[in-house]
Amino acid sequence: MKFVNSFKKAVFLVAVLNLIFFFIEFLVALNIRSVSLLADSIDFIEDTSINFLIFFAVSLSLVKRAKISIFLSIIMLLPGLVAIWAAWKQIIYQQPPAPIELSIVGFGALLVNCFCTYVLMKFRNYSGSLTKAAFLSARNDAIANITIIIAGIITIFHASIWPDILVGLFIAYIRTESALEIYKKASNELKNIQESSKKN
């Protein structure tokens, strides 16, 4: 019970931090027309939803937790769709994002996500696919933030839309890959639970 309470406190803290930084990153992304920051800001609101859902779902039955994980894997596809839409608009307008702001906000997001990854690391194998979803989300966001910083640095020396677009699409790719991993794990959990209940 003590472990469950510690886990719930951890995911609640992560959810609040993600919600705060979503507003920061989303507003900056709109202001500087950044594909990568927009995709990453959607990641933050998505991670907020994931961690709040986990906070309420952790005390549920294994079947319900597995079903919620399948639902979360679908939510995890959202940043990819947003990144594709934003990349298309960027190609049309041909306006590179402000590189300094891009790098600074990317670094701030990296600090938040590294802290969230650290908080969730000791729980990553607890409660199956549900906690794996939270851990993978934080870890992938930290990786994405490093690429955002790199895109900002490249854009300082070479004013182009492409570093930002490519990073945005990379974020879409890693989120899709994680979503598929969570979906497979949750589906297997659900299948094993159902087979076990039939035997009993």
C-alpha atoms as a PDB file:
ATOM      1  CA  MET A   1       0.000   0.000   0.000  1.00  0.00           C
ATOM      2  CA  LYS A   2       2.871   2.333   0.860  1.00  0.00           C
ATOM      3  CA  PHE A   3       4.443   1.619  -2.531  1.00  0.00           C
ATOM      4  CA  VAL A   4       1.138   2.380  -4.302  1.00  0.00           C
ATOM      5  CA  ASN A   5       0.827   5.698  -2.452  1.00  0.00           C
ATOM      6  CA  SER A   6       4.408   6.630  -3.392  1.00  0.00           C
ATOM      7  CA  PHE A   7       3.675   5.777  -7.003  1.00  0.00           C
ATOM      8  CA  LYS A   8       0.473   7.845  -7.019  1.00  0.00           C
ATOM      9  CA  LYS A   9       2.337  10.842  -5.575  1.00  0.00           C
ATOM     10  CA  ALA A  10       5.020  10.448  -8.256  1.00  0.00           C
ATOM     11  CA  VAL A  11       2.592  10.346 -11.203  1.00  0.00           C
ATOM     12  CA  PHE A  12       0.581  13.256  -9.756  1.00  0.00           C
ATOM     13  CA  LEU A  13       3.749  15.378  -9.501  1.00  0.00           C
ATOM     14  CA  VAL A  14       4.735  14.434 -13.058  1.00  0.00           C
ATOM     15  CA  ALA A  15       1.236  15.299 -14.320  1.00  0.00           C
ATOM     16  CA  VAL A  16       1.327  18.769 -12.724  1.00  0.00           C
ATOM     17  CA  LEU A  17       4.824  19.539 -14.071  1.00  0.00           C
ATOM     18  CA  ASN A  18       3.764  18.453 -17.561  1.00  0.00           C
ATOM     19  CA  LEU A  19       0.651  20.632 -17.418  1.00  0.00           C
ATOM     20  CA  ILE A  20       2.634  23.728 -16.390  1.00  0.00           C
ATOM     21  CA  PHE A  21       5.241  23.300 -19.116  1.00  0.00           C
ATOM     22  CA  PHE A  22       2.582  22.558 -21.740  1.00  0.00           C
ATOM     23  CA  PHE A  23       1.320  26.145 -21.487  1.00  0.00           C
ATOM     24  CA  ILE A  24       4.850  27.566 -21.679  1.00  0.00           C
ATOM     25  CA  GLU A  25       5.898  25.498 -24.689  1.00  0.00           C
ATOM     26  CA  PHE A  26       2.581  25.776 -26.547  1.00  0.00           C
ATOM     27  CA  LEU A  27       2.539  29.592 -26.373  1.00  0.00           C
ATOM     28  CA  VAL A  28       6.177  29.863 -27.484  1.00  0.00           C
ATOM     29  CA  ALA A  29       5.582  27.345 -30.310  1.00  0.00           C
ATOM     30  CA  LEU A  30       2.703  29.425 -31.682  1.00  0.00           C
ATOM     31  CA  ASN A  31       4.700  32.638 -31.319  1.00  0.00           C
ATOM     32  CA  ILE A  32       7.797  31.416 -33.192  1.00  0.00           C
ATOM     33  CA  ARG A  33       5.986  28.973 -35.546  1.00  0.00           C
ATOM     34  CA  SER A  34       7.930  25.895 -34.437  1.00  0.00           C
ATOM     35  CA  VAL A  35       6.843  22.434 -35.589  1.00  0.00           C
ATOM     36  CA  SER A  36       9.019  20.615 -33.059  1.00  0.00           C
ATOM     37  CA  LEU A  37       7.925  22.730 -30.081  1.00  0.00           C
ATOM     38  CA  LEU A  38       4.272  22.396 -31.066  1.00  0.00           C
ATOM     39  CA  ALA A  39       4.583  18.607 -31.295  1.00  0.00           C
ATOM     40  CA  ASP A  40       6.453  18.537 -27.990  1.00  0.00           C
ATOM     41  CA  SER A  41       3.872  20.761 -26.276  1.00  0.00           C
ATOM     42  CA  ILE A  42       1.146  18.317 -27.331  1.00  0.00           C
ATOM     43  CA  ASP A  43       3.380  15.646 -25.776  1.00  0.00           C
ATOM     44  CA  PHE A  44       3.228  17.557 -22.503  1.00  0.00           C
ATOM     45  CA  ILE A  45      -0.571  17.755 -22.432  1.00  0.00           C
ATOM     46  CA  GLU A  46      -0.713  14.111 -23.505  1.00  0.00           C
ATOM     47  CA  ASP A  47       1.649  13.138 -20.668  1.00  0.00           C
ATOM     48  CA  THR A  48      -0.505  15.147 -18.275  1.00  0.00           C
ATOM     49  CA  SER A  49      -3.530  13.095 -19.344  1.00  0.00           C
ATOM     50  CA  ILE A  50      -1.604   9.814 -19.151  1.00  0.00           C
ATOM     51  CA  ASN A  51      -0.307  10.451 -15.636  1.00  0.00           C
ATOM     52  CA  PHE A  52      -3.652  11.678 -14.297  1.00  0.00           C
ATOM     53  CA  LEU A  53      -5.322   8.582 -15.766  1.00  0.00           C
ATOM     54  CA  ILE A  54      -2.679   6.372 -14.171  1.00  0.00           C
ATOM     55  CA  PHE A  55      -3.177   8.189 -10.851  1.00  0.00           C
ATOM     56  CA  PHE A  56      -6.840   7.169 -10.818  1.00  0.00           C
ATOM     57  CA  ALA A  57      -6.407   3.776 -12.514  1.00  0.00           C
ATOM     58  CA  VAL A  58      -3.610   2.259 -10.426  1.00  0.00           C
ATOM     59  CA  SER A  59      -6.041   0.874  -7.836  1.00  0.00           C
ATOM     60  CA  LEU A  60      -8.281  -0.724 -10.469  1.00  0.00           C
ATOM     61  CA  SER A  61      -8.344  -4.388 -11.517  1.00  0.00           C
ATOM     62  CA  LEU A  62      -5.725  -5.794 -13.902  1.00  0.00           C
ATOM     63  CA  VAL A  63      -8.292  -6.045 -16.714  1.00  0.00           C
ATOM     64  CA  LYS A  64      -9.312  -2.392 -16.391  1.00  0.00           C
ATOM     65  CA  ARG A  65      -5.674  -1.276 -16.187  1.00  0.00           C
ATOM     66  CA  ALA A  66      -4.848  -3.183 -19.382  1.00  0.00           C
ATOM     67  CA  LYS A  67      -7.841  -1.635 -21.172  1.00  0.00           C
ATOM     68  CA  ILE A  68      -6.818   1.851 -20.040  1.00  0.00           C
ATOM     69  CA  SER A  69      -3.285   1.176 -21.337  1.00  0.00           C
ATOM     70  CA  ILE A  70      -4.721   0.337 -24.761  1.00  0.00           C
ATOM     71  CA  PHE A  71      -6.635   3.629 -24.680  1.00  0.00           C
ATOM     72  CA  LEU A  72      -3.445   5.487 -23.652  1.00  0.00           C
ATOM     73  CA  SER A  73      -1.533   3.963 -26.569  1.00  0.00           C
ATOM     74  CA  ILE A  74      -4.086   5.541 -28.914  1.00  0.00           C
ATOM     75  CA  ILE A  75      -3.716   8.936 -27.174  1.00  0.00           C
ATOM     76  CA  MET A  76       0.058   8.662 -27.666  1.00  0.00           C
ATOM     77  CA  LEU A  77      -0.467   8.901 -31.446  1.00  0.00           C
ATOM     78  CA  LEU A  78      -1.805  12.477 -31.158  1.00  0.00           C
ATOM     79  CA  PRO A  79       1.568  14.336 -31.202  1.00  0.00           C
ATOM     80  CA  GLY A  80       2.472  12.547 -34.432  1.00  0.00           C
ATOM     81  CA  LEU A  81      -0.661  13.776 -36.174  1.00  0.00           C
ATOM     82  CA  VAL A  82      -0.098  17.318 -34.878  1.00  0.00           C
ATOM     83  CA  ALA A  83       3.541  17.244 -36.056  1.00  0.00           C
ATOM     84  CA  ILE A  84       2.527  16.198 -39.581  1.00  0.00           C
ATOM     85  CA  TRP A  85      -0.083  18.982 -39.756  1.00  0.00           C
ATOM     86  CA  ALA A  86       2.374  21.605 -38.412  1.00  0.00           C
ATOM     87  CA  ALA A  87       5.129  20.432 -40.790  1.00  0.00           C
ATOM     88  CA  TRP A  88       2.777  20.845 -43.752  1.00  0.00           C
ATOM     89  CA  LYS A  89       1.957  24.416 -42.675  1.00  0.00           C
ATOM     90  CA  GLN A  90       5.647  25.194 -42.171  1.00  0.00           C
ATOM     91  CA  ILE A  91       6.471  23.993 -45.686  1.00  0.00           C
ATOM     92  CA  ILE A  92       3.770  26.309 -47.067  1.00  0.00           C
ATOM     93  CA  TYR A  93       4.824  29.425 -45.073  1.00  0.00           C
ATOM     94  CA  GLN A  94       8.608  28.784 -45.267  1.00  0.00           C
ATOM     95  CA  GLN A  95       9.373  30.669 -42.028  1.00  0.00           C
ATOM     96  CA  PRO A  96      12.155  29.249 -39.818  1.00  0.00           C
ATOM     97  CA  PRO A  97      11.469  29.432 -36.058  1.00  0.00           C
ATOM     98  CA  ALA A  98      13.455  31.809 -33.819  1.00  0.00           C
ATOM     99  CA  PRO A  99      16.499  29.631 -33.001  1.00  0.00           C
ATOM    100  CA  ILE A 100      17.430  31.134 -29.608  1.00  0.00           C
ATOM    101  CA  GLU A 101      13.908  30.756 -28.215  1.00  0.00           C
ATOM    102  CA  LEU A 102      13.712  27.261 -29.721  1.00  0.00           C
ATOM    103  CA  SER A 103      16.893  26.146 -27.954  1.00  0.00           C
ATOM    104  CA  ILE A 104      16.073  27.801 -24.606  1.00  0.00           C
ATOM    105  CA  VAL A 105      12.570  26.335 -24.383  1.00  0.00           C
ATOM    106  CA  GLY A 106      13.900  22.971 -25.574  1.00  0.00           C
ATOM    107  CA  PHE A 107      16.459  23.038 -22.752  1.00  0.00           C
ATOM    108  CA  GLY A 108      13.777  23.927 -20.191  1.00  0.00           C
ATOM    109  CA  ALA A 109      11.632  21.049 -21.434  1.00  0.00           C
ATOM    110  CA  LEU A 110      14.654  18.728 -21.214  1.00  0.00           C
ATOM    111  CA  LEU A 111      15.168  19.598 -17.534  1.00  0.00           C
ATOM    112  CA  VAL A 112      11.493  18.945 -16.767  1.00  0.00           C
ATOM    113  CA  ASN A 113      11.463  15.616 -18.614  1.00  0.00           C
ATOM    114  CA  CYS A 114      14.761  14.413 -17.123  1.00  0.00           C
ATOM    115  CA  PHE A 115      13.347  15.102 -13.662  1.00  0.00           C
ATOM    116  CA  CYS A 116      10.093  13.294 -14.538  1.00  0.00           C
ATOM    117  CA  THR A 117      12.047  10.316 -15.918  1.00  0.00           C
ATOM    118  CA  TYR A 118      14.087  10.188 -12.693  1.00  0.00           C
ATOM    119  CA  VAL A 119      10.919  10.304 -10.555  1.00  0.00           C
ATOM    120  CA  LEU A 120       9.270   7.487 -12.534  1.00  0.00           C
ATOM    121  CA  MET A 121      12.341   5.300 -13.078  1.00  0.00           C
ATOM    122  CA  LYS A 122      11.991   3.159  -9.939  1.00  0.00           C
ATOM    123  CA  PHE A 123       8.328   2.467 -10.763  1.00  0.00           C
ATOM    124  CA  ARG A 124       8.774   1.603 -14.463  1.00  0.00           C
ATOM    125  CA  ASN A 125       8.277  -2.162 -13.979  1.00  0.00           C
ATOM    126  CA  TYR A 126       5.410  -1.802 -11.526  1.00  0.00           C
ATOM    127  CA  SER A 127       1.791  -2.363 -12.653  1.00  0.00           C
ATOM    128  CA  GLY A 128       2.675  -3.572 -16.152  1.00  0.00           C
ATOM    129  CA  SER A 129       1.883  -1.555 -19.255  1.00  0.00           C
ATOM    130  CA  LEU A 130       0.301   1.307 -17.329  1.00  0.00           C
ATOM    131  CA  THR A 131       3.480   2.513 -15.640  1.00  0.00           C
ATOM    132  CA  LYS A 132       5.549   1.605 -18.691  1.00  0.00           C
ATOM    133  CA  ALA A 133       3.443   4.137 -20.626  1.00  0.00           C
ATOM    134  CA  ALA A 134       4.281   6.896 -18.126  1.00  0.00           C
ATOM    135  CA  PHE A 135       8.003   6.049 -18.055  1.00  0.00           C
ATOM    136  CA  LEU A 136       8.344   5.756 -21.846  1.00  0.00           C
ATOM    137  CA  SER A 137       6.520   9.057 -22.336  1.00  0.00           C
ATOM    138  CA  ALA A 138       8.924  10.919 -20.033  1.00  0.00           C
ATOM    139  CA  ARG A 139      12.000   9.199 -21.481  1.00  0.00           C
ATOM    140  CA  ASN A 140      10.987   9.835 -25.089  1.00  0.00           C
ATOM    141  CA  ASP A 141      10.248  13.471 -24.339  1.00  0.00           C
ATOM    142  CA  ALA A 142      13.753  13.912 -22.914  1.00  0.00           C
ATOM    143  CA  ILE A 143      15.223  12.432 -26.120  1.00  0.00           C
ATOM    144  CA  ALA A 144      12.985  14.705 -28.210  1.00  0.00           C
ATOM    145  CA  ASN A 145      14.097  17.782 -26.247  1.00  0.00           C
ATOM    146  CA  ILE A 146      17.757  17.088 -27.018  1.00  0.00           C
ATOM    147  CA  THR A 147      16.934  17.043 -30.739  1.00  0.00           C
ATOM    148  CA  ILE A 148      14.974  20.320 -30.374  1.00  0.00           C
ATOM    149  CA  ILE A 149      18.046  21.991 -28.845  1.00  0.00           C
ATOM    150  CA  ILE A 150      20.197  20.665 -31.708  1.00  0.00           C
ATOM    151  CA  ALA A 151      17.663  21.984 -34.256  1.00  0.00           C
ATOM    152  CA  GLY A 152      17.812  25.411 -32.602  1.00  0.00           C
ATOM    153  CA  ILE A 153      21.624  25.486 -32.720  1.00  0.00           C
ATOM    154  CA  ILE A 154      21.671  24.433 -36.394  1.00  0.00           C
ATOM    155  CA  THR A 155      19.084  27.107 -37.248  1.00  0.00           C
ATOM    156  CA  ILE A 156      21.269  29.798 -35.622  1.00  0.00           C
ATOM    157  CA  PHE A 157      23.965  29.138 -38.221  1.00  0.00           C
ATOM    158  CA  HIS A 158      21.717  28.079 -41.097  1.00  0.00           C
ATOM    159  CA  ALA A 159      18.285  29.731 -41.241  1.00  0.00           C
ATOM    160  CA  SER A 160      16.116  26.918 -42.583  1.00  0.00           C
ATOM    161  CA  ILE A 161      12.734  25.374 -41.811  1.00  0.00           C
ATOM    162  CA  TRP A 162      14.065  21.824 -42.185  1.00  0.00           C
ATOM    163  CA  PRO A 163      15.868  21.178 -38.860  1.00  0.00           C
ATOM    164  CA  ASP A 164      12.667  22.095 -37.000  1.00  0.00           C
ATOM    165  CA  ILE A 165      10.464  20.059 -39.357  1.00  0.00           C
ATOM    166  CA  LEU A 166      12.703  16.986 -39.208  1.00  0.00           C
ATOM    167  CA  VAL A 167      12.796  17.095 -35.399  1.00  0.00           C
ATOM    168  CA  GLY A 168       9.007  17.466 -35.307  1.00  0.00           C
ATOM    169  CA  LEU A 169       8.626  14.390 -37.499  1.00  0.00           C
ATOM    170  CA  PHE A 170      11.205  12.516 -35.390  1.00  0.00           C
ATOM    171  CA  ILE A 171       9.086  13.253 -32.308  1.00  0.00           C
ATOM    172  CA  ALA A 172       6.097  11.862 -34.201  1.00  0.00           C
ATOM    173  CA  TYR A 173       8.065   8.703 -35.008  1.00  0.00           C
ATOM    174  CA  ILE A 174       9.262   7.927 -31.469  1.00  0.00           C
ATOM    175  CA  ARG A 175       5.798   8.565 -30.047  1.00  0.00           C
ATOM    176  CA  THR A 176       4.242   6.208 -32.591  1.00  0.00           C
ATOM    177  CA  GLU A 177       6.850   3.535 -31.822  1.00  0.00           C
ATOM    178  CA  SER A 178       6.152   3.814 -28.077  1.00  0.00           C
ATOM    179  CA  ALA A 179       2.396   3.737 -28.665  1.00  0.00           C
ATOM    180  CA  LEU A 180       2.744   0.455 -30.564  1.00  0.00           C
ATOM    181  CA  GLU A 181       4.946  -0.996 -27.800  1.00  0.00           C
ATOM    182  CA  ILE A 182       2.389  -0.065 -25.115  1.00  0.00           C
ATOM    183  CA  TYR A 183      -0.484  -1.394 -27.235  1.00  0.00           C
ATOM    184  CA  LYS A 184       1.234  -4.770 -27.742  1.00  0.00           C
ATOM    185  CA  LYS A 185       2.143  -5.107 -24.052  1.00  0.00           C
ATOM    186  CA  ALA A 186      -1.364  -4.148 -22.892  1.00  0.00           C
ATOM    187  CA  SER A 187      -3.020  -6.461 -25.439  1.00  0.00           C
ATOM    188  CA  ASN A 188      -0.856  -9.371 -24.277  1.00  0.00           C
ATOM    189  CA  GLU A 189      -1.676  -8.592 -20.641  1.00  0.00           C
ATOM    190  CA  LEU A 190      -5.394  -8.540 -21.419  1.00  0.00           C
ATOM    191  CA  LYS A 191      -5.132 -11.784 -23.387  1.00  0.00           C
ATOM    192  CA  ASN A 192      -3.228 -13.530 -20.569  1.00  0.00           C
ATOM    193  CA  ILE A 193      -5.735 -12.343 -17.949  1.00  0.00           C
ATOM    194  CA  GLN A 194      -8.687 -13.547 -20.033  1.00  0.00           C
ATOM    195  CA  GLU A 195      -7.052 -16.937 -20.694  1.00  0.00           C
ATOM    196  CA  SER A 196      -6.238 -17.306 -16.996  1.00  0.00           C
ATOM    197  CA  SER A 197      -9.825 -16.512 -15.983  1.00  0.00           C
ATOM    198  CA  LYS A 198     -11.155 -19.116 -18.456  1.00  0.00           C
ATOM    199  CA  LYS A 199      -8.929 -21.801 -16.910  1.00  0.00           C
ATOM    200  CA  ASN A 200     -10.226 -20.924 -13.461  1.00  0.00           C
END
